[in-house]
PDB file of N, CA and C in Angstrom:
ATOM      1  N   MET A   1       0.703  -1.251   0.071  1.00  0.00           N
ATOM      2  CA  MET A   1      -0.037   0.075   0.080  1.00  0.00           C
ATOM      3  C   MET A   1       0.785   1.285  -0.013  1.00  0.00           C
ATOM      4  N   ALA A   2       1.882   1.322   0.663  1.00  0.00           N
ATOM      5  CA  ALA A   2       2.861   2.547   0.783  1.00  0.00           C
ATOM      6  C   ALA A   2       3.504   2.561  -0.434  1.00  0.00           C
ATOM      7  N   ASP A   3       3.741   1.433  -1.195  1.00  0.00           N
ATOM      8  CA  ASP A   3       4.377   1.700  -2.571  1.00  0.00           C
ATOM      9  C   ASP A   3       3.468   2.246  -3.520  1.00  0.00           C
ATOM     10  N   GLN A   4       2.115   1.959  -3.459  1.00  0.00           N
ATOM     11  CA  GLN A   4       1.141   2.584  -4.197  1.00  0.00           C
ATOM     12  C   GLN A   4       0.874   3.967  -3.924  1.00  0.00           C
ATOM     13  N   LEU A   5       0.833   4.366  -2.787  1.00  0.00           N
ATOM     14  CA  LEU A   5       0.722   5.887  -2.347  1.00  0.00           C
ATOM     15  C   LEU A   5       1.827   6.624  -2.983  1.00  0.00           C
ATOM     16  N   ARG A   6       3.122   6.074  -2.673  1.00  0.00           N
ATOM     17  CA  ARG A   6       4.309   6.864  -3.188  1.00  0.00           C
ATOM     18  C   ARG A   6       4.407   7.034  -4.686  1.00  0.00           C
ATOM     19  N   MET A   7       3.788   5.931  -5.465  1.00  0.00           N
ATOM     20  CA  MET A   7       3.790   6.199  -6.881  1.00  0.00           C
ATOM     21  C   MET A   7       2.632   6.992  -7.366  1.00  0.00           C
ATOM     22  N   LEU A   8       1.526   7.082  -6.624  1.00  0.00           N
ATOM     23  CA  LEU A   8       0.455   8.052  -6.968  1.00  0.00           C
ATOM     24  C   LEU A   8       1.003   9.440  -6.475  1.00  0.00           C
ATOM     25  N   GLN A   9       1.839   9.696  -5.591  1.00  0.00           N
ATOM     26  CA  GLN A   9       2.102  11.077  -5.426  1.00  0.00           C
ATOM     27  C   GLN A   9       3.222  11.450  -6.170  1.00  0.00           C
ATOM     28  N   ASP A  10       4.103  10.591  -6.499  1.00  0.00           N
ATOM     29  CA  ASP A  10       5.018  10.881  -7.802  1.00  0.00           C
ATOM     30  C   ASP A  10       4.574  10.999  -9.147  1.00  0.00           C
ATOM     31  N   ALA A  11       3.473  10.337  -9.485  1.00  0.00           N
ATOM     32  CA  ALA A  11       2.819  10.588 -10.707  1.00  0.00           C
ATOM     33  C   ALA A  11       1.802  11.721 -11.076  1.00  0.00           C
ATOM     34  N   THR A  12       1.398  12.366  -9.921  1.00  0.00           N
ATOM     35  CA  THR A  12       0.300  13.116  -9.892  1.00  0.00           C
ATOM     36  C   THR A  12       0.868  14.604  -9.835  1.00  0.00           C
ATOM     37  N   PRO A  13       0.569  15.479 -10.781  1.00  0.00           N
ATOM     38  CA  PRO A  13       1.049  16.912 -10.751  1.00  0.00           C
ATOM     39  C   PRO A  13       0.618  17.609  -9.698  1.00  0.00           C
ATOM     40  N   SER A  14       1.220  18.580  -9.246  1.00  0.00           N
ATOM     41  CA  SER A  14       0.666  19.467  -8.090  1.00  0.00           C
ATOM     42  C   SER A  14      -0.413  20.264  -8.712  1.00  0.00           C
ATOM     43  N   ALA A  15      -1.349  20.626  -7.762  1.00  0.00           N
ATOM     44  CA  ALA A  15      -2.276  21.633  -8.122  1.00  0.00           C
ATOM     45  C   ALA A  15      -2.047  22.793  -8.950  1.00  0.00           C
ATOM     46  N   GLY A  16      -0.933  23.457  -8.637  1.00  0.00           N
ATOM     47  CA  GLY A  16      -0.628  24.573  -9.447  1.00  0.00           C
ATOM     48  C   GLY A  16      -0.039  24.254 -10.803  1.00  0.00           C
ATOM     49  N   GLU A  17       0.356  23.173 -11.214  1.00  0.00           N
ATOM     50  CA  GLU A  17       0.659  22.781 -12.560  1.00  0.00           C
ATOM     51  C   GLU A  17      -0.354  22.642 -13.563  1.00  0.00           C
ATOM     52  N   VAL A  18      -1.516  22.404 -13.257  1.00  0.00           N
ATOM     53  CA  VAL A  18      -2.734  22.316 -14.216  1.00  0.00           C
ATOM     54  C   VAL A  18      -3.902  23.328 -13.719  1.00  0.00           C
ATOM     55  N   ALA A  19      -3.967  24.101 -14.693  1.00  0.00           N
ATOM     56  CA  ALA A  19      -5.194  25.060 -14.249  1.00  0.00           C
ATOM     57  C   ALA A  19      -6.497  24.803 -14.880  1.00  0.00           C
ATOM     58  N   SER A  20      -6.548  23.890 -15.976  1.00  0.00           N
ATOM     59  CA  SER A  20      -7.989  23.515 -16.374  1.00  0.00           C
ATOM     60  C   SER A  20      -7.694  22.280 -17.164  1.00  0.00           C
ATOM     61  N   LEU A  21      -8.690  21.360 -17.142  1.00  0.00           N
ATOM     62  CA  LEU A  21      -8.939  20.305 -17.872  1.00  0.00           C
ATOM     63  C   LEU A  21      -9.955  20.367 -18.919  1.00  0.00           C
ATOM     64  N   GLY A  22     -10.056  21.579 -19.273  1.00  0.00           N
ATOM     65  CA  GLY A  22     -11.159  21.722 -20.395  1.00  0.00           C
ATOM     66  C   GLY A  22     -12.334  20.898 -20.332  1.00  0.00           C
ATOM     67  N   ASP A  23     -12.844  20.239 -21.260  1.00  0.00           N
ATOM     68  CA  ASP A  23     -14.051  19.581 -21.210  1.00  0.00           C
ATOM     69  C   ASP A  23     -13.702  17.951 -21.160  1.00  0.00           C
ATOM     70  N   VAL A  24     -12.694  17.623 -20.511  1.00  0.00           N
ATOM     71  CA  VAL A  24     -12.480  16.287 -20.275  1.00  0.00           C
ATOM     72  C   VAL A  24     -13.117  15.823 -18.974  1.00  0.00           C
ATOM     73  N   PRO A  25     -14.045  14.556 -19.250  1.00  0.00           N
ATOM     74  CA  PRO A  25     -14.967  14.180 -18.308  1.00  0.00           C
ATOM     75  C   PRO A  25     -14.131  13.942 -17.070  1.00  0.00           C
ATOM     76  N   LEU A  26     -14.386  14.357 -15.911  1.00  0.00           N
ATOM     77  CA  LEU A  26     -13.830  14.101 -14.748  1.00  0.00           C
ATOM     78  C   LEU A  26     -14.932  13.729 -13.600  1.00  0.00           C
ATOM     79  N   VAL A  27     -14.638  12.730 -12.849  1.00  0.00           N
ATOM     80  CA  VAL A  27     -15.383  12.382 -11.715  1.00  0.00           C
ATOM     81  C   VAL A  27     -14.400  12.320 -10.494  1.00  0.00           C
ATOM     82  N   VAL A  28     -14.784  12.950  -9.354  1.00  0.00           N
ATOM     83  CA  VAL A  28     -14.147  12.734  -8.265  1.00  0.00           C
ATOM     84  C   VAL A  28     -14.849  11.940  -7.252  1.00  0.00           C
ATOM     85  N   ILE A  29     -14.483  10.891  -7.038  1.00  0.00           N
ATOM     86  CA  ILE A  29     -15.197   9.901  -6.117  1.00  0.00           C
ATOM     87  C   ILE A  29     -14.801  10.180  -4.591  1.00  0.00           C
ATOM     88  N   SER A  30     -15.622  10.554  -3.865  1.00  0.00           N
ATOM     89  CA  SER A  30     -15.214  10.878  -2.528  1.00  0.00           C
ATOM     90  C   SER A  30     -16.171  10.143  -1.272  1.00  0.00           C
ATOM     91  N   SER A  31     -15.624   9.718  -0.245  1.00  0.00           N
ATOM     92  CA  SER A  31     -16.345   8.970   0.894  1.00  0.00           C
ATOM     93  C   SER A  31     -17.204  10.114   1.409  1.00  0.00           C
ATOM     94  N   ALA A  32     -18.541   9.723   1.762  1.00  0.00           N
ATOM     95  CA  ALA A  32     -19.578  10.747   2.185  1.00  0.00           C
ATOM     96  C   ALA A  32     -19.082  11.102   3.631  1.00  0.00           C
ATOM     97  N   ASP A  33     -18.022  10.576   4.275  1.00  0.00           N
ATOM     98  CA  ASP A  33     -17.576  10.948   5.669  1.00  0.00           C
ATOM     99  C   ASP A  33     -16.292  11.977   5.770  1.00  0.00           C
ATOM    100  N   GLN A  34     -16.197  12.686   4.671  1.00  0.00           N
ATOM    101  CA  GLN A  34     -15.205  13.540   4.501  1.00  0.00           C
ATOM    102  C   GLN A  34     -15.342  14.848   5.438  1.00  0.00           C
ATOM    103  N   THR A  35     -14.476  15.552   5.777  1.00  0.00           N
ATOM    104  CA  THR A  35     -14.652  16.812   6.705  1.00  0.00           C
ATOM    105  C   THR A  35     -14.972  17.952   5.572  1.00  0.00           C
ATOM    106  N   PRO A  36     -15.534  19.033   5.749  1.00  0.00           N
ATOM    107  CA  PRO A  36     -16.032  20.108   5.000  1.00  0.00           C
ATOM    108  C   PRO A  36     -14.854  20.687   4.121  1.00  0.00           C
ATOM    109  N   ASP A  37     -13.675  20.651   4.619  1.00  0.00           N
ATOM    110  CA  ASP A  37     -12.569  21.295   3.868  1.00  0.00           C
ATOM    111  C   ASP A  37     -12.302  20.308   2.902  1.00  0.00           C
ATOM    112  N   VAL A  38     -12.276  18.998   3.099  1.00  0.00           N
ATOM    113  CA  VAL A  38     -11.925  17.985   1.848  1.00  0.00           C
ATOM    114  C   VAL A  38     -12.872  17.892   1.049  1.00  0.00           C
ATOM    115  N   THR A  39     -14.238  17.964   1.399  1.00  0.00           N
ATOM    116  CA  THR A  39     -15.363  17.867   0.399  1.00  0.00           C
ATOM    117  C   THR A  39     -15.172  19.196  -0.480  1.00  0.00           C
ATOM    118  N   ALA A  40     -14.917  20.300  -0.006  1.00  0.00           N
ATOM    119  CA  ALA A  40     -14.692  21.559  -0.809  1.00  0.00           C
ATOM    120  C   ALA A  40     -13.587  21.368  -1.682  1.00  0.00           C
ATOM    121  N   ALA A  41     -12.581  20.906  -1.298  1.00  0.00           N
ATOM    122  CA  ALA A  41     -11.271  20.546  -2.175  1.00  0.00           C
ATOM    123  C   ALA A  41     -11.746  19.652  -3.142  1.00  0.00           C
ATOM    124  N   HIS A  42     -12.438  18.550  -2.992  1.00  0.00           N
ATOM    125  CA  HIS A  42     -12.966  17.799  -4.014  1.00  0.00           C
ATOM    126  C   HIS A  42     -13.868  18.389  -4.945  1.00  0.00           C
ATOM    127  N   HIS A  43     -14.660  19.482  -4.649  1.00  0.00           N
ATOM    128  CA  HIS A  43     -15.505  20.032  -5.481  1.00  0.00           C
ATOM    129  C   HIS A  43     -14.630  20.888  -6.467  1.00  0.00           C
ATOM    130  N   LEU A  44     -13.525  21.697  -5.683  1.00  0.00           N
ATOM    131  CA  LEU A  44     -12.785  22.468  -6.562  1.00  0.00           C
ATOM    132  C   LEU A  44     -12.088  21.710  -7.576  1.00  0.00           C
ATOM    133  N   LEU A  45     -11.496  20.558  -7.227  1.00  0.00           N
ATOM    134  CA  LEU A  45     -10.935  19.705  -8.327  1.00  0.00           C
ATOM    135  C   LEU A  45     -11.889  19.348  -9.370  1.00  0.00           C
ATOM    136  N   ALA A  46     -12.889  19.011  -8.973  1.00  0.00           N
ATOM    137  CA  ALA A  46     -14.128  18.616 -10.216  1.00  0.00           C
ATOM    138  C   ALA A  46     -14.545  19.784 -10.997  1.00  0.00           C
ATOM    139  N   ARG A  47     -14.326  20.945 -10.437  1.00  0.00           N
ATOM    140  CA  ARG A  47     -14.484  22.308 -11.282  1.00  0.00           C
ATOM    141  C   ARG A  47     -13.522  22.602 -12.430  1.00  0.00           C
ATOM    142  N   MET A  48     -12.300  21.736 -12.194  1.00  0.00           N
ATOM    143  CA  MET A  48     -11.276  21.918 -13.225  1.00  0.00           C
ATOM    144  C   MET A  48     -11.825  21.686 -14.665  1.00  0.00           C
ATOM    145  N   SER A  49     -12.641  20.856 -14.658  1.00  0.00           N
ATOM    146  CA  SER A  49     -13.279  20.462 -15.919  1.00  0.00           C
ATOM    147  C   SER A  49     -14.814  20.804 -15.932  1.00  0.00           C
ATOM    148  N   SER A  50     -15.213  21.174 -17.315  1.00  0.00           N
ATOM    149  CA  SER A  50     -16.656  21.629 -17.438  1.00  0.00           C
ATOM    150  C   SER A  50     -17.532  20.460 -17.471  1.00  0.00           C
ATOM    151  N   GLN A  51     -16.777  19.276 -17.490  1.00  0.00           N
ATOM    152  CA  GLN A  51     -17.586  18.035 -17.448  1.00  0.00           C
ATOM    153  C   GLN A  51     -17.420  17.451 -16.147  1.00  0.00           C
ATOM    154  N   GLY A  52     -16.996  18.042 -15.001  1.00  0.00           N
ATOM    155  CA  GLY A  52     -16.683  17.307 -13.812  1.00  0.00           C
ATOM    156  C   GLY A  52     -17.765  17.443 -12.735  1.00  0.00           C
ATOM    157  N   HIS A  53     -17.660  16.469 -12.097  1.00  0.00           N
ATOM    158  CA  HIS A  53     -18.638  16.366 -10.819  1.00  0.00           C
ATOM    159  C   HIS A  53     -18.136  15.392  -9.806  1.00  0.00           C
ATOM    160  N   VAL A  54     -18.607  15.464  -8.591  1.00  0.00           N
ATOM    161  CA  VAL A  54     -18.381  14.623  -7.373  1.00  0.00           C
ATOM    162  C   VAL A  54     -19.469  13.709  -7.195  1.00  0.00           C
ATOM    163  N   VAL A  55     -18.950  12.414  -6.914  1.00  0.00           N
ATOM    164  CA  VAL A  55     -19.887  11.494  -6.512  1.00  0.00           C
ATOM    165  C   VAL A  55     -19.497  10.960  -5.154  1.00  0.00           C
ATOM    166  N   PHE A  56     -20.470  10.895  -4.204  1.00  0.00           N
ATOM    167  CA  PHE A  56     -20.174  10.591  -2.885  1.00  0.00           C
ATOM    168  C   PHE A  56     -20.502   9.056  -2.824  1.00  0.00           C
ATOM    169  N   ALA A  57     -19.528   8.319  -2.092  1.00  0.00           N
ATOM    170  CA  ALA A  57     -19.526   6.764  -1.892  1.00  0.00           C
ATOM    171  C   ALA A  57     -20.134   6.769  -0.453  1.00  0.00           C
ATOM    172  N   SER A  58     -21.593   6.588  -0.400  1.00  0.00           N
ATOM    173  CA  SER A  58     -22.086   6.682   1.009  1.00  0.00           C
ATOM    174  C   SER A  58     -21.772   5.397   1.910  1.00  0.00           C
ATOM    175  N   LYS A  59     -21.154   4.345   1.375  1.00  0.00           N
ATOM    176  CA  LYS A  59     -21.149   3.081   2.212  1.00  0.00           C
ATOM    177  C   LYS A  59     -19.381   3.054   2.555  1.00  0.00           C
ATOM    178  N   SER A  60     -18.641   4.144   2.208  1.00  0.00           N
ATOM    179  CA  SER A  60     -17.227   3.938   2.293  1.00  0.00           C
ATOM    180  C   SER A  60     -16.611   4.605   3.281  1.00  0.00           C
ATOM    181  N   GLY A  61     -15.483   4.283   3.800  1.00  0.00           N
ATOM    182  CA  GLY A  61     -14.534   5.091   4.531  1.00  0.00           C
ATOM    183  C   GLY A  61     -13.512   5.723   3.603  1.00  0.00           C
ATOM    184  N   HIS A  62     -12.347   5.539   4.084  1.00  0.00           N
ATOM    185  CA  HIS A  62     -11.153   6.321   3.206  1.00  0.00           C
ATOM    186  C   HIS A  62     -11.002   5.445   1.643  1.00  0.00           C
ATOM    187  N   TRP A  63     -11.011   4.182   1.809  1.00  0.00           N
ATOM    188  CA  TRP A  63     -10.698   3.355   0.770  1.00  0.00           C
ATOM    189  C   TRP A  63     -11.825   2.830  -0.127  1.00  0.00           C
ATOM    190  N   VAL A  64     -12.467   3.757  -0.893  1.00  0.00           N
ATOM    191  CA  VAL A  64     -13.551   3.591  -1.553  1.00  0.00           C
ATOM    192  C   VAL A  64     -13.393   2.211  -2.534  1.00  0.00           C
ATOM    193  N   PRO A  65     -12.450   2.113  -3.320  1.00  0.00           N
ATOM    194  CA  PRO A  65     -12.126   0.861  -4.119  1.00  0.00           C
ATOM    195  C   PRO A  65     -12.204  -0.295  -3.563  1.00  0.00           C
ATOM    196  N   TYR A  66     -12.008  -0.434  -2.107  1.00  0.00           N
ATOM    197  CA  TYR A  66     -12.176  -1.641  -1.424  1.00  0.00           C
ATOM    198  C   TYR A  66     -13.696  -1.860  -0.964  1.00  0.00           C
ATOM    199  N   ASP A  67     -14.145  -0.683  -0.404  1.00  0.00           N
ATOM    200  CA  ASP A  67     -15.514  -0.721   0.236  1.00  0.00           C
ATOM    201  C   ASP A  67     -16.651  -0.677  -0.773  1.00  0.00           C
ATOM    202  N   GLU A  68     -16.438   0.015  -1.996  1.00  0.00           N
ATOM    203  CA  GLU A  68     -17.595  -0.001  -3.059  1.00  0.00           C
ATOM    204  C   GLU A  68     -16.997  -0.215  -4.408  1.00  0.00           C
ATOM    205  N   PRO A  69     -16.383  -1.230  -4.736  1.00  0.00           N
ATOM    206  CA  PRO A  69     -15.895  -1.553  -5.850  1.00  0.00           C
ATOM    207  C   PRO A  69     -16.726  -1.278  -7.102  1.00  0.00           C
ATOM    208  N   GLU A  70     -18.079  -1.671  -6.694  1.00  0.00           N
ATOM    209  CA  GLU A  70     -18.928  -1.422  -7.949  1.00  0.00           C
ATOM    210  C   GLU A  70     -19.422  -0.076  -8.300  1.00  0.00           C
ATOM    211  N   LEU A  71     -19.073   1.035  -7.318  1.00  0.00           N
ATOM    212  CA  LEU A  71     -19.173   2.268  -7.708  1.00  0.00           C
ATOM    213  C   LEU A  71     -18.014   2.832  -8.440  1.00  0.00           C
ATOM    214  N   ILE A  72     -16.787   2.282  -8.262  1.00  0.00           N
ATOM    215  CA  ILE A  72     -15.763   2.692  -9.141  1.00  0.00           C
ATOM    216  C   ILE A  72     -16.037   2.056 -10.665  1.00  0.00           C
ATOM    217  N   VAL A  73     -16.456   0.927 -10.611  1.00  0.00           N
ATOM    218  CA  VAL A  73     -16.630   0.234 -12.104  1.00  0.00           C
ATOM    219  C   VAL A  73     -17.800   1.143 -12.720  1.00  0.00           C
ATOM    220  N   GLU A  74     -18.712   1.310 -12.066  1.00  0.00           N
ATOM    221  CA  GLU A  74     -19.923   2.130 -12.657  1.00  0.00           C
ATOM    222  C   GLU A  74     -19.568   3.449 -13.084  1.00  0.00           C
ATOM    223  N   THR A  75     -18.920   4.136 -12.254  1.00  0.00           N
ATOM    224  CA  THR A  75     -18.384   5.410 -12.776  1.00  0.00           C
ATOM    225  C   THR A  75     -17.463   5.389 -13.958  1.00  0.00           C
ATOM    226  N   ILE A  76     -16.574   4.650 -13.944  1.00  0.00           N
ATOM    227  CA  ILE A  76     -15.632   4.382 -15.150  1.00  0.00           C
ATOM    228  C   ILE A  76     -16.485   4.187 -16.377  1.00  0.00           C
ATOM    229  N   ARG A  77     -17.463   3.192 -16.380  1.00  0.00           N
ATOM    230  CA  ARG A  77     -18.360   3.118 -17.443  1.00  0.00           C
ATOM    231  C   ARG A  77     -18.980   4.277 -17.905  1.00  0.00           C
ATOM    232  N   GLU A  78     -19.525   4.957 -17.010  1.00  0.00           N
ATOM    233  CA  GLU A  78     -20.114   6.285 -17.339  1.00  0.00           C
ATOM    234  C   GLU A  78     -19.231   7.015 -18.074  1.00  0.00           C
ATOM    235  N   VAL A  79     -18.075   7.357 -17.589  1.00  0.00           N
ATOM    236  CA  VAL A  79     -17.203   8.218 -18.206  1.00  0.00           C
ATOM    237  C   VAL A  79     -16.836   7.630 -19.683  1.00  0.00           C
ATOM    238  N   VAL A  80     -16.575   6.466 -19.724  1.00  0.00           N
ATOM    239  CA  VAL A  80     -16.211   5.850 -21.100  1.00  0.00           C
ATOM    240  C   VAL A  80     -17.396   5.998 -22.129  1.00  0.00           C
ATOM    241  N   GLU A  81     -18.651   5.913 -21.652  1.00  0.00           N
ATOM    242  CA  GLU A  81     -19.811   6.099 -22.321  1.00  0.00           C
ATOM    243  C   GLU A  81     -20.025   7.651 -22.760  1.00  0.00           C
ATOM    244  N   THR A  82     -19.759   8.377 -21.884  1.00  0.00           N
ATOM    245  CA  THR A  82     -19.617   9.960 -22.173  1.00  0.00           C
ATOM    246  C   THR A  82     -18.863  10.236 -23.366  1.00  0.00           C
ATOM    247  N   VAL A  83     -17.565   9.716 -23.229  1.00  0.00           N
ATOM    248  CA  VAL A  83     -16.544   9.878 -24.290  1.00  0.00           C
ATOM    249  C   VAL A  83     -16.875   9.188 -25.398  1.00  0.00           C
ATOM    250  N   ARG A  84     -17.546   7.987 -25.609  1.00  0.00           N
ATOM    251  CA  ARG A  84     -17.984   7.410 -26.877  1.00  0.00           C
ATOM    252  C   ARG A  84     -19.093   8.235 -27.377  1.00  0.00           C
ATOM    253  N   ARG A  85     -20.086   8.603 -26.752  1.00  0.00           N
ATOM    254  CA  ARG A  85     -21.103   9.367 -27.410  1.00  0.00           C
ATOM    255  C   ARG A  85     -20.544  10.771 -28.068  1.00  0.00           C
ATOM    256  N   ARG A  86     -19.608  11.305 -27.309  1.00  0.00           N
ATOM    257  CA  ARG A  86     -19.117  12.614 -27.870  1.00  0.00           C
ATOM    258  C   ARG A  86     -18.375  12.306 -29.101  1.00  0.00           C
ATOM    259  N   HIS A  87     -17.536  11.086 -29.135  1.00  0.00           N
ATOM    260  CA  HIS A  87     -16.889  10.889 -30.348  1.00  0.00           C
ATOM    261  C   HIS A  87     -17.698  10.485 -31.643  1.00  0.00           C
ATOM    262  N   VAL A  88     -18.664   9.744 -31.321  1.00  0.00           N
ATOM    263  CA  VAL A  88     -19.659   9.360 -32.363  1.00  0.00           C
ATOM    264  C   VAL A  88     -20.353  10.507 -32.972  1.00  0.00           C
ATOM    265  N   SER A  89     -20.854  11.519 -32.028  1.00  0.00           N
ATOM    266  CA  SER A  89     -21.407  12.721 -32.572  1.00  0.00           C
ATOM    267  C   SER A  89     -20.450  13.698 -33.261  1.00  0.00           C
ATOM    268  N   ALA A  90     -19.279  13.452 -32.827  1.00  0.00           N
ATOM    269  CA  ALA A  90     -18.074  14.379 -33.562  1.00  0.00           C
ATOM    270  C   ALA A  90     -17.775  13.872 -35.063  1.00  0.00           C
ATOM    271  N   ILE A  91     -18.033  12.473 -35.214  1.00  0.00           N
ATOM    272  CA  ILE A  91     -17.714  11.972 -36.495  1.00  0.00           C
ATOM    273  C   ILE A  91     -18.865  11.824 -37.503  1.00  0.00           C
ATOM    274  N   ARG A  92     -20.119  11.977 -37.018  1.00  0.00           N
ATOM    275  CA  ARG A  92     -21.243  11.877 -37.792  1.00  0.00           C
ATOM    276  C   ARG A  92     -21.298  12.991 -38.654  1.00  0.00           C
ATOM    277  N   PRO A  93     -21.674  12.814 -39.945  1.00  0.00           N
ATOM    278  CA  PRO A  93     -21.556  14.049 -40.752  1.00  0.00           C
ATOM    279  C   PRO A  93     -23.092  14.586 -40.388  1.00  0.00           C
ATOM    280  N   GLY A  94     -22.859  16.169 -40.385  1.00  0.00           N
ATOM    281  CA  GLY A  94     -24.006  16.875 -39.824  1.00  0.00           C
ATOM    282  C   GLY A  94     -24.625  17.638 -40.917  1.00  0.00           C
TER     283      GLY A  94
END
């Protein structure tokens, strides 16, 4: 677990390095038991994309992927479907 956290920290740009994600679909999954300041930070992160939003994992503590893996899978599927729909409408002759 420690190796995973170190890798994540090394691979993630600091907040000051990225100003906007444009319209890249972004979902921030947060456990529902977060403090108000953490929840606010998650909303701020989601606002980096015009397609961003926060999903709260109501049955999870800190490790949402272990507590609610189905939520992670469903969220990934929704993002993929959003991208596919956008791609199909972009290549259709209008």
